[in-house]
Amino acid sequence: MDLYTHEYFMNEALKQAKYAFEEGEIPVGAVIVSKNKIIAKAYNQTERLNDVTAHAEMLAITAAANTLGAKYLVDCRLYVTLEPCPMCAGALFWSQIGEVHFAASDPRRGFRQSNPDMLHPKTKIFSGTMAAEAERLVLDFFKKLRD
């Protein structure tokens, strides 16, 4: 049995999303994996850092590049709890990341709404792993904001 499944890594991204939720940030978490090892973890910090670019994916890309000492993430996999927005998809394109796994689709702000071919042509895209858990977290967050 393989210990390091897609569910294992997505669960790690969900842990990051829960940190965001607890801090009043939109609950999106991301991890980047190289050779079955997590090399970067991040969650949305746009409020904390007062920075609209401080999305989980952006922070994780920077951390992974620093860890590897390289700007390209060709042999890496991103696990993120929500479909990346166009800004993050653009950064993922430039990083040439090998794979993107996202849990929940974002029909309003996900990159596939504006340009489904936005990621690098060699990047493999996977969706739906632990989608229900990720969607629940986002729905609970916005319900809490309204209440």
Protein backbone atom coordinates (compact mmCIF):
# COMPACT_ATOMS: atom_id res chain seq x y z
CA MET A 1 0.00 0.00 0.00
CA ASP A 2 1.31 3.43 -0.97
CA LEU A 3 1.33 5.75 2.04
CA TYR A 4 1.68 8.89 -0.08
CA THR A 5 -1.57 8.96 -2.01
CA HIS A 6 -3.25 11.95 -3.64
CA GLU A 7 -5.68 11.89 -0.69
CA TYR A 8 -2.78 12.07 1.77
CA PHE A 9 -1.35 15.20 0.15
CA MET A 10 -4.77 16.83 -0.38
CA ASN A 11 -5.50 16.23 3.30
CA GLU A 12 -2.30 18.15 4.08
CA ALA A 13 -3.56 21.00 1.88
CA LEU A 14 -6.89 20.89 3.75
CA LYS A 15 -5.02 21.31 7.04
CA GLN A 16 -3.53 24.51 5.60
CA ALA A 17 -6.99 25.68 4.49
CA LYS A 18 -8.25 25.18 8.06
CA TYR A 19 -5.48 27.49 9.34
CA ALA A 20 -6.74 30.12 6.90
CA PHE A 21 -10.33 29.59 8.09
CA GLU A 22 -9.28 30.03 11.74
CA GLU A 23 -7.50 33.30 10.85
CA GLY A 24 -10.50 34.71 8.97
CA GLU A 25 -8.95 34.18 5.55
CA ILE A 26 -10.75 32.51 2.65
CA PRO A 27 -9.95 28.86 3.42
CA VAL A 28 -7.63 27.75 0.65
CA GLY A 29 -4.58 25.65 1.39
CA ALA A 30 -1.78 24.35 -0.80
CA VAL A 31 1.16 22.01 -0.61
CA ILE A 32 3.85 21.35 -3.21
CA VAL A 33 5.38 17.91 -3.40
CA SER A 34 8.68 16.79 -4.92
CA LYS A 35 9.72 13.12 -4.91
CA ASN A 36 6.80 12.30 -2.56
CA LYS A 37 8.03 14.87 -0.01
CA ILE A 38 6.20 18.08 0.88
CA ILE A 39 8.60 20.93 0.11
CA ALA A 40 6.17 23.82 0.61
CA LYS A 41 2.97 24.51 2.57
CA ALA A 42 0.86 27.64 2.47
CA TYR A 43 -2.59 29.06 2.99
CA ASN A 44 -4.32 32.26 1.93
CA GLN A 45 -2.91 35.27 3.77
CA THR A 46 -4.32 38.21 1.83
CA GLU A 47 -5.82 39.82 4.94
CA ARG A 48 -2.85 39.17 7.22
CA LEU A 49 -0.32 40.49 4.72
CA ASN A 50 -2.65 43.13 3.22
CA ASP A 51 -1.63 41.75 -0.17
CA VAL A 52 -4.09 40.66 -2.86
CA THR A 53 -1.43 38.34 -4.33
CA ALA A 54 -0.93 36.36 -1.10
CA HIS A 55 -2.95 33.37 -2.30
CA ALA A 56 -2.00 29.92 -1.02
CA GLU A 57 -0.65 28.86 -4.42
CA MET A 58 1.51 31.98 -4.85
CA LEU A 59 3.05 31.58 -1.39
CA ALA A 60 3.63 27.86 -1.98
CA ILE A 61 5.29 28.46 -5.38
CA THR A 62 7.72 30.93 -3.80
CA ALA A 63 8.48 28.59 -0.89
CA ALA A 64 9.02 25.61 -3.22
CA ALA A 65 11.32 27.60 -5.51
CA ASN A 66 13.33 28.72 -2.47
CA THR A 67 13.55 25.14 -1.17
CA LEU A 68 14.73 23.80 -4.53
CA GLY A 69 16.89 26.79 -5.36
CA ALA A 70 15.24 26.84 -8.79
CA LYS A 71 12.44 28.80 -10.43
CA TYR A 72 11.00 25.86 -12.36
CA LEU A 73 8.89 23.22 -10.62
CA VAL A 74 8.75 20.73 -13.50
CA ASP A 75 9.05 17.64 -11.27
CA CYS A 76 6.62 18.93 -8.63
CA ARG A 77 2.94 18.47 -7.87
CA LEU A 78 0.68 21.14 -6.40
CA TYR A 79 -2.24 20.06 -4.21
CA VAL A 80 -4.66 22.91 -3.59
CA THR A 81 -8.12 22.86 -2.04
CA LEU A 82 -9.75 25.20 -4.59
CA GLU A 83 -9.30 25.60 -8.33
CA PRO A 84 -6.61 28.23 -8.90
CA CYS A 85 -7.66 31.70 -10.05
CA PRO A 86 -6.22 33.15 -13.28
CA MET A 87 -3.42 34.95 -11.37
CA CYS A 88 -2.28 31.73 -9.70
CA ALA A 89 -2.69 29.76 -12.94
CA GLY A 90 -0.40 32.29 -14.63
CA ALA A 91 2.25 31.80 -11.95
CA LEU A 92 1.84 28.04 -12.23
CA PHE A 93 2.30 28.36 -16.01
CA TRP A 94 5.59 30.23 -15.54
CA SER A 95 6.78 27.73 -12.92
CA GLN A 96 6.14 24.91 -15.43
CA ILE A 97 4.80 22.81 -12.55
CA GLY A 98 4.37 19.15 -13.48
CA GLU A 99 0.94 18.51 -11.99
CA VAL A 100 -1.90 20.50 -10.45
CA HIS A 101 -4.39 18.67 -8.24
CA PHE A 102 -7.30 20.76 -7.00
CA ALA A 103 -10.12 19.59 -4.81
CA ALA A 104 -13.11 21.86 -5.44
CA SER A 105 -13.94 23.68 -8.65
CA ASP A 106 -14.44 27.43 -8.51
CA PRO A 107 -17.15 28.18 -11.07
CA ARG A 108 -16.97 31.93 -10.40
CA ARG A 109 -13.26 32.70 -10.19
CA GLY A 110 -11.40 29.58 -11.29
CA PHE A 111 -8.98 29.83 -14.19
CA ARG A 112 -11.06 27.45 -16.33
CA GLN A 113 -13.80 30.09 -16.55
CA SER A 114 -11.52 32.58 -18.29
CA ASN A 115 -9.05 30.28 -20.03
CA PRO A 116 -9.07 26.49 -19.55
CA ASP A 117 -5.70 26.28 -21.35
CA MET A 118 -3.98 28.74 -19.03
CA LEU A 119 -1.57 26.24 -17.45
CA HIS A 120 1.63 25.13 -19.16
CA PRO A 121 0.92 22.60 -21.97
CA LYS A 122 2.98 19.92 -20.18
CA THR A 123 1.21 20.42 -16.83
CA LYS A 124 -1.20 17.61 -15.98
CA ILE A 125 -4.43 18.69 -14.27
CA PHE A 126 -6.47 16.60 -11.84
CA SER A 127 -9.57 17.65 -9.94
CA GLY A 128 -12.08 16.34 -7.42
CA THR A 129 -9.89 14.68 -4.78
CA MET A 130 -11.57 15.48 -1.45
CA ALA A 131 -13.79 18.05 -3.18
CA ALA A 132 -16.68 17.68 -0.71
CA GLU A 133 -14.45 18.51 2.27
CA ALA A 134 -12.92 21.52 0.52
CA GLU A 135 -16.31 22.83 -0.66
CA ARG A 136 -17.76 22.46 2.86
CA LEU A 137 -14.95 24.55 4.32
CA VAL A 138 -15.52 27.38 1.80
CA LEU A 139 -19.31 27.28 2.27
CA ASP A 140 -18.94 27.30 6.07
CA PHE A 141 -16.57 30.27 5.82
CA PHE A 142 -18.96 32.40 3.79
CA LYS A 143 -21.94 31.34 5.93
CA LYS A 144 -20.00 32.47 9.01
CA LEU A 145 -19.30 35.83 7.34
CA ARG A 146 -23.00 36.35 6.61
CA ASP A 147 -24.16 35.40 10.14
